[in-house]
Amino acid sequence: MAKMGKWMTPEEEARQKFIMRERDRERKRIKRMNPEYRQMERERDRFRKQTPRPSLMTPEEEARHKFIMRERDRERKRIKRLNPEYRRMERERDRFRKKARRANVAFFQYIFLNYI
């Protein structure tokens, strides 16, 4: 890639690409903060969900594809669970959820007993 009369080294090119990518991400983030843009996005998503798309696959191919994708997801999850760091995070999350559930139950019992 040429840069003002001289060629960029691969490192400079990679750095430039990274900078441009970060700049684009920042622009998108700022755009998403705009309430009108978010509203427009929601409407677009709702329309997309409502519009059925014709499948180019036969029902058998579609079923086979779904099966393959499900198997792939299972395999990904299995590999993820083999990672000890991920298992530790999962245990922490479950512990937190259990505490939150207990707190919710206690809170609703308190409200039920005192206000009803």
PDB file of N, CA and C in Angstrom:
ATOM      1  N   MET A   1       0.847  -1.178   0.000  1.00  0.00           N
ATOM      2  CA  MET A   1       0.000   0.000   0.000  1.00  0.00           C
ATOM      3  C   MET A   1       0.891   1.240   0.000  1.00  0.00           C
ATOM      4  N   ALA A   2       0.595   2.204  -0.850  1.00  0.00           N
ATOM      5  CA  ALA A   2       1.422   3.412  -0.943  1.00  0.00           C
ATOM      6  C   ALA A   2       0.980   4.422   0.102  1.00  0.00           C
ATOM      7  N   LYS A   3       1.986   5.118   0.632  1.00  0.00           N
ATOM      8  CA  LYS A   3       1.661   6.126   1.631  1.00  0.00           C
ATOM      9  C   LYS A   3       2.476   7.376   1.321  1.00  0.00           C
ATOM     10  N   MET A   4       1.839   8.378   0.757  1.00  0.00           N
ATOM     11  CA  MET A   4       2.483   9.656   0.473  1.00  0.00           C
ATOM     12  C   MET A   4       3.831   9.485  -0.236  1.00  0.00           C
ATOM     13  N   GLY A   5       3.853   8.743  -1.315  1.00  0.00           N
ATOM     14  CA  GLY A   5       5.071   8.622  -2.102  1.00  0.00           C
ATOM     15  C   GLY A   5       6.008   7.518  -1.672  1.00  0.00           C
ATOM     16  N   LYS A   6       5.724   6.835  -0.548  1.00  0.00           N
ATOM     17  CA  LYS A   6       6.599   5.720  -0.168  1.00  0.00           C
ATOM     18  C   LYS A   6       5.739   4.505   0.168  1.00  0.00           C
ATOM     19  N   TRP A   7       6.315   3.338   0.055  1.00  0.00           N
ATOM     20  CA  TRP A   7       5.588   2.111   0.346  1.00  0.00           C
ATOM     21  C   TRP A   7       5.602   1.839   1.838  1.00  0.00           C
ATOM     22  N   MET A   8       4.477   1.298   2.337  1.00  0.00           N
ATOM     23  CA  MET A   8       4.397   0.977   3.762  1.00  0.00           C
ATOM     24  C   MET A   8       4.943  -0.426   3.988  1.00  0.00           C
ATOM     25  N   THR A   9       5.565  -0.622   5.120  1.00  0.00           N
ATOM     26  CA  THR A   9       6.002  -1.974   5.485  1.00  0.00           C
ATOM     27  C   THR A   9       4.761  -2.737   5.938  1.00  0.00           C
ATOM     28  N   PRO A  10       4.819  -4.063   5.960  1.00  0.00           N
ATOM     29  CA  PRO A  10       3.655  -4.835   6.431  1.00  0.00           C
ATOM     30  C   PRO A  10       3.226  -4.441   7.850  1.00  0.00           C
ATOM     31  N   GLU A  11       4.193  -4.108   8.714  1.00  0.00           N
ATOM     32  CA  GLU A  11       3.849  -3.705  10.086  1.00  0.00           C
ATOM     33  C   GLU A  11       3.076  -2.388  10.087  1.00  0.00           C
ATOM     34  N   GLU A  12       3.563  -1.430   9.272  1.00  0.00           N
ATOM     35  CA  GLU A  12       2.870  -0.139   9.185  1.00  0.00           C
ATOM     36  C   GLU A  12       1.469  -0.320   8.617  1.00  0.00           C
ATOM     37  N   GLU A  13       1.365  -1.204   7.631  1.00  0.00           N
ATOM     38  CA  GLU A  13       0.061  -1.457   7.014  1.00  0.00           C
ATOM     39  C   GLU A  13      -0.901  -2.073   8.034  1.00  0.00           C
ATOM     40  N   ALA A  14      -0.396  -3.046   8.801  1.00  0.00           N
ATOM     41  CA  ALA A  14      -1.230  -3.690   9.819  1.00  0.00           C
ATOM     42  C   ALA A  14      -1.664  -2.668  10.873  1.00  0.00           C
ATOM     43  N   ARG A  15      -0.731  -1.810  11.264  1.00  0.00           N
ATOM     44  CA  ARG A  15      -1.039  -0.781  12.259  1.00  0.00           C
ATOM     45  C   ARG A  15      -2.109   0.168  11.715  1.00  0.00           C
ATOM     46  N   GLN A  16      -1.961   0.553  10.457  1.00  0.00           N
ATOM     47  CA  GLN A  16      -2.922   1.457   9.823  1.00  0.00           C
ATOM     48  C   GLN A  16      -4.312   0.814   9.766  1.00  0.00           C
ATOM     49  N   LYS A  17      -4.350  -0.476   9.388  1.00  0.00           N
ATOM     50  CA  LYS A  17      -5.636  -1.187   9.329  1.00  0.00           C
ATOM     51  C   LYS A  17      -6.282  -1.224  10.707  1.00  0.00           C
ATOM     52  N   PHE A  18      -5.460  -1.498  11.729  1.00  0.00           N
ATOM     53  CA  PHE A  18      -5.971  -1.560  13.097  1.00  0.00           C
ATOM     54  C   PHE A  18      -6.565  -0.208  13.501  1.00  0.00           C
ATOM     55  N   ILE A  19      -5.838   0.872  13.201  1.00  0.00           N
ATOM     56  CA  ILE A  19      -6.311   2.220  13.542  1.00  0.00           C
ATOM     57  C   ILE A  19      -7.635   2.512  12.840  1.00  0.00           C
ATOM     58  N   MET A  20      -7.717   2.160  11.555  1.00  0.00           N
ATOM     59  CA  MET A  20      -8.956   2.410  10.802  1.00  0.00           C
ATOM     60  C   MET A  20     -10.116   1.597  11.380  1.00  0.00           C
ATOM     61  N   ARG A  21      -9.844   0.346  11.740  1.00  0.00           N
ATOM     62  CA  ARG A  21     -10.888  -0.503  12.310  1.00  0.00           C
ATOM     63  C   ARG A  21     -11.394   0.080  13.630  1.00  0.00           C
ATOM     64  N   GLU A  22     -10.458   0.528  14.467  1.00  0.00           N
ATOM     65  CA  GLU A  22     -10.843   1.132  15.750  1.00  0.00           C
ATOM     66  C   GLU A  22     -11.670   2.396  15.526  1.00  0.00           C
ATOM     67  N   ARG A  23     -11.264   3.192  14.541  1.00  0.00           N
ATOM     68  CA  ARG A  23     -11.992   4.422  14.223  1.00  0.00           C
ATOM     69  C   ARG A  23     -13.420   4.090  13.781  1.00  0.00           C
ATOM     70  N   ASP A  24     -13.564   3.051  12.947  1.00  0.00           N
ATOM     71  CA  ASP A  24     -14.896   2.637  12.495  1.00  0.00           C
ATOM     72  C   ASP A  24     -15.747   2.164  13.670  1.00  0.00           C
ATOM     73  N   ARG A  25     -15.136   1.392  14.572  1.00  0.00           N
ATOM     74  CA  ARG A  25     -15.877   0.912  15.748  1.00  0.00           C
ATOM     75  C   ARG A  25     -16.379   2.080  16.582  1.00  0.00           C
ATOM     76  N   GLU A  26     -15.510   3.071  16.761  1.00  0.00           N
ATOM     77  CA  GLU A  26     -15.885   4.244  17.550  1.00  0.00           C
ATOM     78  C   GLU A  26     -17.038   4.994  16.882  1.00  0.00           C
ATOM     79  N   ARG A  27     -16.978   5.136  15.554  1.00  0.00           N
ATOM     80  CA  ARG A  27     -18.075   5.800  14.821  1.00  0.00           C
ATOM     81  C   ARG A  27     -19.387   5.044  15.026  1.00  0.00           C
ATOM     82  N   LYS A  28     -19.326   3.713  14.910  1.00  0.00           N
ATOM     83  CA  LYS A  28     -20.541   2.907  15.089  1.00  0.00           C
ATOM     84  C   LYS A  28     -21.088   3.062  16.501  1.00  0.00           C
ATOM     85  N   ARG A  29     -20.181   3.060  17.492  1.00  0.00           N
ATOM     86  CA  ARG A  29     -20.604   3.190  18.889  1.00  0.00           C
ATOM     87  C   ARG A  29     -21.325   4.526  19.096  1.00  0.00           C
ATOM     88  N   ILE A  30     -20.761   5.595  18.552  1.00  0.00           N
ATOM     89  CA  ILE A  30     -21.369   6.922  18.682  1.00  0.00           C
ATOM     90  C   ILE A  30     -22.722   6.946  17.974  1.00  0.00           C
ATOM     91  N   LYS A  31     -22.788   6.316  16.800  1.00  0.00           N
ATOM     92  CA  LYS A  31     -24.034   6.276  16.037  1.00  0.00           C
ATOM     93  C   LYS A  31     -25.115   5.548  16.840  1.00  0.00           C
ATOM     94  N   ARG A  32     -24.724   4.443  17.511  1.00  0.00           N
ATOM     95  CA  ARG A  32     -25.706   3.666  18.276  1.00  0.00           C
ATOM     96  C   ARG A  32     -26.199   4.406  19.509  1.00  0.00           C
ATOM     97  N   MET A  33     -25.422   5.381  19.989  1.00  0.00           N
ATOM     98  CA  MET A  33     -25.855   6.148  21.159  1.00  0.00           C
ATOM     99  C   MET A  33     -27.000   7.094  20.803  1.00  0.00           C
ATOM    100  N   ASN A  34     -27.165   7.398  19.529  1.00  0.00           N
ATOM    101  CA  ASN A  34     -28.210   8.303  19.068  1.00  0.00           C
ATOM    102  C   ASN A  34     -29.572   7.597  19.181  1.00  0.00           C
ATOM    103  N   PRO A  35     -30.509   8.153  19.976  1.00  0.00           N
ATOM    104  CA  PRO A  35     -31.806   7.482  20.177  1.00  0.00           C
ATOM    105  C   PRO A  35     -32.597   7.255  18.889  1.00  0.00           C
ATOM    106  N   GLU A  36     -32.527   8.226  17.950  1.00  0.00           N
ATOM    107  CA  GLU A  36     -33.278   8.050  16.699  1.00  0.00           C
ATOM    108  C   GLU A  36     -32.726   6.869  15.912  1.00  0.00           C
ATOM    109  N   TYR A  37     -31.409   6.743  15.915  1.00  0.00           N
ATOM    110  CA  TYR A  37     -30.784   5.636  15.188  1.00  0.00           C
ATOM    111  C   TYR A  37     -31.166   4.299  15.823  1.00  0.00           C
ATOM    112  N   ARG A  38     -31.195   4.262  17.158  1.00  0.00           N
ATOM    113  CA  ARG A  38     -31.577   3.015  17.843  1.00  0.00           C
ATOM    114  C   ARG A  38     -33.013   2.636  17.518  1.00  0.00           C
ATOM    115  N   GLN A  39     -33.889   3.642  17.488  1.00  0.00           N
ATOM    116  CA  GLN A  39     -35.290   3.395  17.148  1.00  0.00           C
ATOM    117  C   GLN A  39     -35.396   2.828  15.734  1.00  0.00           C
ATOM    118  N   MET A  40     -34.649   3.433  14.810  1.00  0.00           N
ATOM    119  CA  MET A  40     -34.659   2.979  13.423  1.00  0.00           C
ATOM    120  C   MET A  40     -34.156   1.531  13.337  1.00  0.00           C
ATOM    121  N   GLU A  41     -33.097   1.219  14.105  1.00  0.00           N
ATOM    122  CA  GLU A  41     -32.552  -0.143  14.121  1.00  0.00           C
ATOM    123  C   GLU A  41     -33.591  -1.138  14.623  1.00  0.00           C
ATOM    124  N   ARG A  42     -34.306  -0.749  15.698  1.00  0.00           N
ATOM    125  CA  ARG A  42     -35.335  -1.642  16.250  1.00  0.00           C
ATOM    126  C   ARG A  42     -36.428  -1.919  15.224  1.00  0.00           C
ATOM    127  N   GLU A  43     -36.864  -0.861  14.528  1.00  0.00           N
ATOM    128  CA  GLU A  43     -37.907  -1.039  13.511  1.00  0.00           C
ATOM    129  C   GLU A  43     -37.418  -1.944  12.389  1.00  0.00           C
ATOM    130  N   ARG A  44     -36.168  -1.743  11.972  1.00  0.00           N
ATOM    131  CA  ARG A  44     -35.595  -2.567  10.903  1.00  0.00           C
ATOM    132  C   ARG A  44     -35.533  -4.032  11.343  1.00  0.00           C
ATOM    133  N   ASP A  45     -35.096  -4.265  12.589  1.00  0.00           N
ATOM    134  CA  ASP A  45     -35.005  -5.637  13.084  1.00  0.00           C
ATOM    135  C   ASP A  45     -36.383  -6.283  13.171  1.00  0.00           C
ATOM    136  N   ARG A  46     -37.372  -5.491  13.632  1.00  0.00           N
ATOM    137  CA  ARG A  46     -38.730  -6.036  13.737  1.00  0.00           C
ATOM    138  C   ARG A  46     -39.246  -6.422  12.351  1.00  0.00           C
ATOM    139  N   PHE A  47     -38.986  -5.568  11.362  1.00  0.00           N
ATOM    140  CA  PHE A  47     -39.420  -5.855   9.997  1.00  0.00           C
ATOM    141  C   PHE A  47     -38.726  -7.111   9.478  1.00  0.00           C
ATOM    142  N   ARG A  48     -37.421  -7.242   9.754  1.00  0.00           N
ATOM    143  CA  ARG A  48     -36.676  -8.416   9.288  1.00  0.00           C
ATOM    144  C   ARG A  48     -37.231  -9.698   9.883  1.00  0.00           C
ATOM    145  N   LYS A  49     -37.617  -9.627  11.177  1.00  0.00           N
ATOM    146  CA  LYS A  49     -38.158 -10.820  11.828  1.00  0.00           C
ATOM    147  C   LYS A  49     -39.503 -11.206  11.215  1.00  0.00           C
ATOM    148  N   GLN A  50     -40.287 -10.200  10.813  1.00  0.00           N
ATOM    149  CA  GLN A  50     -41.621 -10.474  10.269  1.00  0.00           C
ATOM    150  C   GLN A  50     -41.559 -11.028   8.852  1.00  0.00           C
ATOM    151  N   THR A  51     -40.530 -10.641   8.106  1.00  0.00           N
ATOM    152  CA  THR A  51     -40.455 -11.023   6.704  1.00  0.00           C
ATOM    153  C   THR A  51     -39.874 -12.419   6.562  1.00  0.00           C
ATOM    154  N   PRO A  52     -40.693 -13.379   6.135  1.00  0.00           N
ATOM    155  CA  PRO A  52     -40.140 -14.724   5.956  1.00  0.00           C
ATOM    156  C   PRO A  52     -39.262 -14.775   4.708  1.00  0.00           C
ATOM    157  N   ARG A  53     -38.139 -15.425   4.835  1.00  0.00           N
ATOM    158  CA  ARG A  53     -37.239 -15.544   3.685  1.00  0.00           C
ATOM    159  C   ARG A  53     -37.373 -16.949   3.108  1.00  0.00           C
ATOM    160  N   PRO A  54     -37.543 -17.035   1.810  1.00  0.00           N
ATOM    161  CA  PRO A  54     -37.636 -18.377   1.221  1.00  0.00           C
ATOM    162  C   PRO A  54     -36.285 -19.082   1.318  1.00  0.00           C
ATOM    163  N   SER A  55     -36.336 -20.338   1.721  1.00  0.00           N
ATOM    164  CA  SER A  55     -35.094 -21.096   1.855  1.00  0.00           C
ATOM    165  C   SER A  55     -34.697 -21.651   0.497  1.00  0.00           C
ATOM    166  N   LEU A  56     -33.417 -21.639   0.223  1.00  0.00           N
ATOM    167  CA  LEU A  56     -32.929 -22.189  -1.036  1.00  0.00           C
ATOM    168  C   LEU A  56     -32.663 -23.685  -0.914  1.00  0.00           C
ATOM    169  N   MET A  57     -32.795 -24.194   0.317  1.00  0.00           N
ATOM    170  CA  MET A  57     -32.540 -25.623   0.542  1.00  0.00           C
ATOM    171  C   MET A  57     -33.847 -26.404   0.547  1.00  0.00           C
ATOM    172  N   THR A  58     -33.743 -27.670   0.225  1.00  0.00           N
ATOM    173  CA  THR A  58     -34.910 -28.547   0.332  1.00  0.00           C
ATOM    174  C   THR A  58     -35.127 -28.822   1.817  1.00  0.00           C
ATOM    175  N   PRO A  59     -36.319 -29.278   2.202  1.00  0.00           N
ATOM    176  CA  PRO A  59     -36.562 -29.568   3.624  1.00  0.00           C
ATOM    177  C   PRO A  59     -35.553 -30.569   4.204  1.00  0.00           C
ATOM    178  N   GLU A  60     -35.152 -31.564   3.386  1.00  0.00           N
ATOM    179  CA  GLU A  60     -34.180 -32.556   3.881  1.00  0.00           C
ATOM    180  C   GLU A  60     -32.825 -31.897   4.128  1.00  0.00           C
ATOM    181  N   GLU A  61     -32.404 -31.044   3.165  1.00  0.00           N
ATOM    182  CA  GLU A  61     -31.121 -30.347   3.325  1.00  0.00           C
ATOM    183  C   GLU A  61     -31.161 -29.424   4.541  1.00  0.00           C
ATOM    184  N   GLU A  62     -32.310 -28.761   4.719  1.00  0.00           N
ATOM    185  CA  GLU A  62     -32.455 -27.846   5.848  1.00  0.00           C
ATOM    186  C   GLU A  62     -32.355 -28.598   7.176  1.00  0.00           C
ATOM    187  N   ALA A  63     -33.032 -29.746   7.259  1.00  0.00           N
ATOM    188  CA  ALA A  63     -32.975 -30.555   8.479  1.00  0.00           C
ATOM    189  C   ALA A  63     -31.546 -31.025   8.739  1.00  0.00           C
ATOM    190  N   ARG A  64     -30.882 -31.452   7.674  1.00  0.00           N
ATOM    191  CA  ARG A  64     -29.495 -31.921   7.807  1.00  0.00           C
ATOM    192  C   ARG A  64     -28.590 -30.782   8.279  1.00  0.00           C
ATOM    193  N   HIS A  65     -28.805 -29.596   7.687  1.00  0.00           N
ATOM    194  CA  HIS A  65     -28.013 -28.423   8.056  1.00  0.00           C
ATOM    195  C   HIS A  65     -28.229 -28.061   9.530  1.00  0.00           C
ATOM    196  N   LYS A  66     -29.502 -28.091   9.977  1.00  0.00           N
ATOM    197  CA  LYS A  66     -29.817 -27.795  11.373  1.00  0.00           C
ATOM    198  C   LYS A  66     -29.114 -28.778  12.299  1.00  0.00           C
ATOM    199  N   PHE A  67     -29.147 -30.059  11.913  1.00  0.00           N
ATOM    200  CA  PHE A  67     -28.509 -31.097  12.717  1.00  0.00           C
ATOM    201  C   PHE A  67     -27.007 -30.841  12.823  1.00  0.00           C
ATOM    202  N   ILE A  68     -26.381 -30.520  11.688  1.00  0.00           N
ATOM    203  CA  ILE A  68     -24.932 -30.255  11.666  1.00  0.00           C
ATOM    204  C   ILE A  68     -24.601 -29.052  12.544  1.00  0.00           C
ATOM    205  N   MET A  69     -25.396 -27.988  12.427  1.00  0.00           N
ATOM    206  CA  MET A  69     -25.141 -26.783  13.228  1.00  0.00           C
ATOM    207  C   MET A  69     -25.299 -27.073  14.720  1.00  0.00           C
ATOM    208  N   ARG A  70     -26.309 -27.865  15.079  1.00  0.00           N
ATOM    209  CA  ARG A  70     -26.524 -28.223  16.481  1.00  0.00           C
ATOM    210  C   ARG A  70     -25.336 -29.021  17.017  1.00  0.00           C
ATOM    211  N   GLU A  71     -24.870 -29.974  16.184  1.00  0.00           N
ATOM    212  CA  GLU A  71     -23.702 -30.772  16.590  1.00  0.00           C
ATOM    213  C   GLU A  71     -22.477 -29.879  16.763  1.00  0.00           C
ATOM    214  N   ARG A  72     -22.296 -28.945  15.859  1.00  0.00           N
ATOM    215  CA  ARG A  72     -21.151 -28.031  15.929  1.00  0.00           C
ATOM    216  C   ARG A  72     -21.215 -27.195  17.207  1.00  0.00           C
ATOM    217  N   ASP A  73     -22.422 -26.702  17.540  1.00  0.00           N
ATOM    218  CA  ASP A  73     -22.587 -25.916  18.768  1.00  0.00           C
ATOM    219  C   ASP A  73     -22.286 -26.753  20.003  1.00  0.00           C
ATOM    220  N   ARG A  74     -22.776 -28.001  20.005  1.00  0.00           N
ATOM    221  CA  ARG A  74     -22.494 -28.892  21.141  1.00  0.00           C
ATOM    222  C   ARG A  74     -20.999 -29.101  21.316  1.00  0.00           C
ATOM    223  N   GLU A  75     -20.319 -29.310  20.187  1.00  0.00           N
ATOM    224  CA  GLU A  75     -18.869 -29.535  20.234  1.00  0.00           C
ATOM    225  C   GLU A  75     -18.149 -28.292  20.769  1.00  0.00           C
ATOM    226  N   ARG A  76     -18.571 -27.121  20.315  1.00  0.00           N
ATOM    227  CA  ARG A  76     -17.966 -25.875  20.808  1.00  0.00           C
ATOM    228  C   ARG A  76     -18.143 -25.747  22.315  1.00  0.00           C
ATOM    229  N   LYS A  77     -19.369 -26.033  22.786  1.00  0.00           N
ATOM    230  CA  LYS A  77     -19.645 -25.941  24.219  1.00  0.00           C
ATOM    231  C   LYS A  77     -18.794 -26.933  24.995  1.00  0.00           C
ATOM    232  N   ARG A  78     -18.666 -28.145  24.452  1.00  0.00           N
ATOM    233  CA  ARG A  78     -17.886 -29.180  25.132  1.00  0.00           C
ATOM    234  C   ARG A  78     -16.432 -28.737  25.270  1.00  0.00           C
ATOM    235  N   ILE A  79     -15.882 -28.198  24.189  1.00  0.00           N
ATOM    236  CA  ILE A  79     -14.489 -27.735  24.211  1.00  0.00           C
ATOM    237  C   ILE A  79     -14.341 -26.577  25.197  1.00  0.00           C
ATOM    238  N   LYS A  80     -15.338 -25.692  25.206  1.00  0.00           N
ATOM    239  CA  LYS A  80     -15.292 -24.552  26.112  1.00  0.00           C
ATOM    240  C   LYS A  80     -15.281 -25.029  27.562  1.00  0.00           C
ATOM    241  N   ARG A  81     -16.096 -26.053  27.850  1.00  0.00           N
ATOM    242  CA  ARG A  81     -16.177 -26.551  29.224  1.00  0.00           C
ATOM    243  C   ARG A  81     -14.918 -27.276  29.669  1.00  0.00           C
ATOM    244  N   LEU A  82     -14.113 -27.732  28.717  1.00  0.00           N
ATOM    245  CA  LEU A  82     -12.855 -28.386  29.080  1.00  0.00           C
ATOM    246  C   LEU A  82     -11.852 -27.374  29.624  1.00  0.00           C
ATOM    247  N   ASN A  83     -12.036 -26.114  29.280  1.00  0.00           N
ATOM    248  CA  ASN A  83     -11.132 -25.059  29.727  1.00  0.00           C
ATOM    249  C   ASN A  83     -11.373 -24.782  31.217  1.00  0.00           C
ATOM    250  N   PRO A  84     -10.357 -24.995  32.067  1.00  0.00           N
ATOM    251  CA  PRO A  84     -10.551 -24.817  33.516  1.00  0.00           C
ATOM    252  C   PRO A  84     -10.942 -23.385  33.895  1.00  0.00           C
ATOM    253  N   GLU A  85     -10.421 -22.413  33.166  1.00  0.00           N
ATOM    254  CA  GLU A  85     -10.757 -21.010  33.449  1.00  0.00           C
ATOM    255  C   GLU A  85     -12.252 -20.770  33.204  1.00  0.00           C
ATOM    256  N   TYR A  86     -12.768 -21.338  32.111  1.00  0.00           N
ATOM    257  CA  TYR A  86     -14.191 -21.184  31.790  1.00  0.00           C
ATOM    258  C   TYR A  86     -15.046 -21.872  32.855  1.00  0.00           C
ATOM    259  N   ARG A  87     -14.614 -23.064  33.302  1.00  0.00           N
ATOM    260  CA  ARG A  87     -15.373 -23.779  34.344  1.00  0.00           C
ATOM    261  C   ARG A  87     -15.423 -22.967  35.634  1.00  0.00           C
ATOM    262  N   ARG A  88     -14.300 -22.329  35.973  1.00  0.00           N
ATOM    263  CA  ARG A  88     -14.251 -21.503  37.177  1.00  0.00           C
ATOM    264  C   ARG A  88     -15.241 -20.336  37.048  1.00  0.00           C
ATOM    265  N   MET A  89     -15.236 -19.683  35.875  1.00  0.00           N
ATOM    266  CA  MET A  89     -16.162 -18.568  35.654  1.00  0.00           C
ATOM    267  C   MET A  89     -17.608 -19.042  35.719  1.00  0.00           C
ATOM    268  N   GLU A  90     -17.871 -20.227  35.172  1.00  0.00           N
ATOM    269  CA  GLU A  90     -19.223 -20.790  35.197  1.00  0.00           C
ATOM    270  C   GLU A  90     -19.683 -21.024  36.635  1.00  0.00           C
ATOM    271  N   ARG A  91     -18.779 -21.580  37.467  1.00  0.00           N
ATOM    272  CA  ARG A  91     -19.125 -21.825  38.877  1.00  0.00           C
ATOM    273  C   ARG A  91     -19.421 -20.517  39.597  1.00  0.00           C
ATOM    274  N   GLU A  92     -18.595 -19.498  39.339  1.00  0.00           N
ATOM    275  CA  GLU A  92     -18.832 -18.185  39.962  1.00  0.00           C
ATOM    276  C   GLU A  92     -20.190 -17.635  39.551  1.00  0.00           C
ATOM    277  N   ARG A  93     -20.498 -17.750  38.265  1.00  0.00           N
ATOM    278  CA  ARG A  93     -21.779 -17.247  37.759  1.00  0.00           C
ATOM    279  C   ARG A  93     -22.941 -17.984  38.428  1.00  0.00           C
ATOM    280  N   ASP A  94     -22.813 -19.309  38.534  1.00  0.00           N
ATOM    281  CA  ASP A  94     -23.881 -20.087  39.155  1.00  0.00           C
ATOM    282  C   ASP A  94     -24.054 -19.720  40.628  1.00  0.00           C
ATOM    283  N   ARG A  95     -22.915 -19.515  41.314  1.00  0.00           N
ATOM    284  CA  ARG A  95     -22.972 -19.120  42.724  1.00  0.00           C
ATOM    285  C   ARG A  95     -23.689 -17.775  42.860  1.00  0.00           C
ATOM    286  N   PHE A  96     -23.346 -16.842  41.988  1.00  0.00           N
ATOM    287  CA  PHE A  96     -23.978 -15.521  42.023  1.00  0.00           C
ATOM    288  C   PHE A  96     -25.480 -15.636  41.759  1.00  0.00           C
ATOM    289  N   ARG A  97     -25.851 -16.452  40.766  1.00  0.00           N
ATOM    290  CA  ARG A  97     -27.278 -16.621  40.439  1.00  0.00           C
ATOM    291  C   ARG A  97     -28.045 -17.214  41.614  1.00  0.00           C
ATOM    292  N   LYS A  98     -27.406 -18.179  42.298  1.00  0.00           N
ATOM    293  CA  LYS A  98     -28.058 -18.815  43.442  1.00  0.00           C
ATOM    294  C   LYS A  98     -28.303 -17.781  44.547  1.00  0.00           C
ATOM    295  N   LYS A  99     -27.295 -16.938  44.809  1.00  0.00           N
ATOM    296  CA  LYS A  99     -27.447 -15.890  45.833  1.00  0.00           C
ATOM    297  C   LYS A  99     -28.561 -14.922  45.438  1.00  0.00           C
ATOM    298  N   ALA A 100     -28.568 -14.522  44.172  1.00  0.00           N
ATOM    299  CA  ALA A 100     -29.580 -13.575  43.699  1.00  0.00           C
ATOM    300  C   ALA A 100     -30.977 -14.181  43.821  1.00  0.00           C
ATOM    301  N   ARG A 101     -31.100 -15.468  43.493  1.00  0.00           N
ATOM    302  CA  ARG A 101     -32.401 -16.135  43.586  1.00  0.00           C
ATOM    303  C   ARG A 101     -32.883 -16.147  45.034  1.00  0.00           C
ATOM    304  N   ARG A 102     -31.956 -16.498  45.959  1.00  0.00           N
ATOM    305  CA  ARG A 102     -32.325 -16.514  47.382  1.00  0.00           C
ATOM    306  C   ARG A 102     -32.766 -15.127  47.841  1.00  0.00           C
ATOM    307  N   ALA A 103     -32.024 -14.107  47.411  1.00  0.00           N
ATOM    308  CA  ALA A 103     -32.359 -12.735  47.807  1.00  0.00           C
ATOM    309  C   ALA A 103     -33.732 -12.351  47.266  1.00  0.00           C
ATOM    310  N   ASN A 104     -34.028 -12.725  46.030  1.00  0.00           N
ATOM    311  CA  ASN A 104     -35.338 -12.418  45.443  1.00  0.00           C
ATOM    312  C   ASN A 104     -36.454 -13.103  46.211  1.00  0.00           C
ATOM    313  N   VAL A 105     -36.261 -14.377  46.517  1.00  0.00           N
ATOM    314  CA  VAL A 105     -37.288 -15.126  47.249  1.00  0.00           C
ATOM    315  C   VAL A 105     -37.520 -14.476  48.603  1.00  0.00           C
ATOM    316  N   ALA A 106     -36.431 -14.154  49.310  1.00  0.00           N
ATOM    317  CA  ALA A 106     -36.559 -13.529  50.629  1.00  0.00           C
ATOM    318  C   ALA A 106     -37.280 -12.188  50.519  1.00  0.00           C
ATOM    319  N   PHE A 107     -36.933 -11.415  49.506  1.00  0.00           N
ATOM    320  CA  PHE A 107     -37.548 -10.107  49.318  1.00  0.00           C
ATOM    321  C   PHE A 107     -39.048 -10.243  49.074  1.00  0.00           C
ATOM    322  N   PHE A 108     -39.448 -11.171  48.199  1.00  0.00           N
ATOM    323  CA  PHE A 108     -40.871 -11.329  47.901  1.00  0.00           C
ATOM    324  C   PHE A 108     -41.636 -11.904  49.087  1.00  0.00           C
ATOM    325  N   GLN A 109     -40.991 -12.772  49.859  1.00  0.00           N
ATOM    326  CA  GLN A 109     -41.650 -13.279  51.070  1.00  0.00           C
ATOM    327  C   GLN A 109     -41.875 -12.137  52.055  1.00  0.00           C
ATOM    328  N   TYR A 110     -40.870 -11.277  52.192  1.00  0.00           N
ATOM    329  CA  TYR A 110     -40.976 -10.126  53.085  1.00  0.00           C
ATOM    330  C   TYR A 110     -42.140  -9.234  52.657  1.00  0.00           C
ATOM    331  N   ILE A 111     -42.218  -8.937  51.373  1.00  0.00           N
ATOM    332  CA  ILE A 111     -43.297  -8.084  50.859  1.00  0.00           C
ATOM    333  C   ILE A 111     -44.643  -8.766  51.066  1.00  0.00           C
ATOM    334  N   PHE A 112     -44.705 -10.047  50.755  1.00  0.00           N
ATOM    335  CA  PHE A 112     -45.963 -10.783  50.862  1.00  0.00           C
ATOM    336  C   PHE A 112     -46.455 -10.805  52.310  1.00  0.00           C
ATOM    337  N   LEU A 113     -45.547 -11.070  53.249  1.00  0.00           N
ATOM    338  CA  LEU A 113     -45.948 -11.177  54.650  1.00  0.00           C
ATOM    339  C   LEU A 113     -46.292  -9.817  55.260  1.00  0.00           C
ATOM    340  N   ASN A 114     -45.629  -8.761  54.820  1.00  0.00           N
ATOM    341  CA  ASN A 114     -45.828  -7.456  55.454  1.00  0.00           C
ATOM    342  C   ASN A 114     -46.887  -6.583  54.799  1.00  0.00           C
ATOM    343  N   TYR A 115     -47.166  -6.811  53.535  1.00  0.00           N
ATOM    344  CA  TYR A 115     -48.073  -5.884  52.849  1.00  0.00           C
ATOM    345  C   TYR A 115     -49.357  -6.521  52.351  1.00  0.00           C
ATOM    346  N   ILE A 116     -49.478  -7.823  52.477  1.00  0.00           N
ATOM    347  CA  ILE A 116     -50.705  -8.450  51.962  1.00  0.00           C
ATOM    348  C   ILE A 116     -51.505  -9.015  53.108  1.00  0.00           C
TER     349      ILE A 116
END
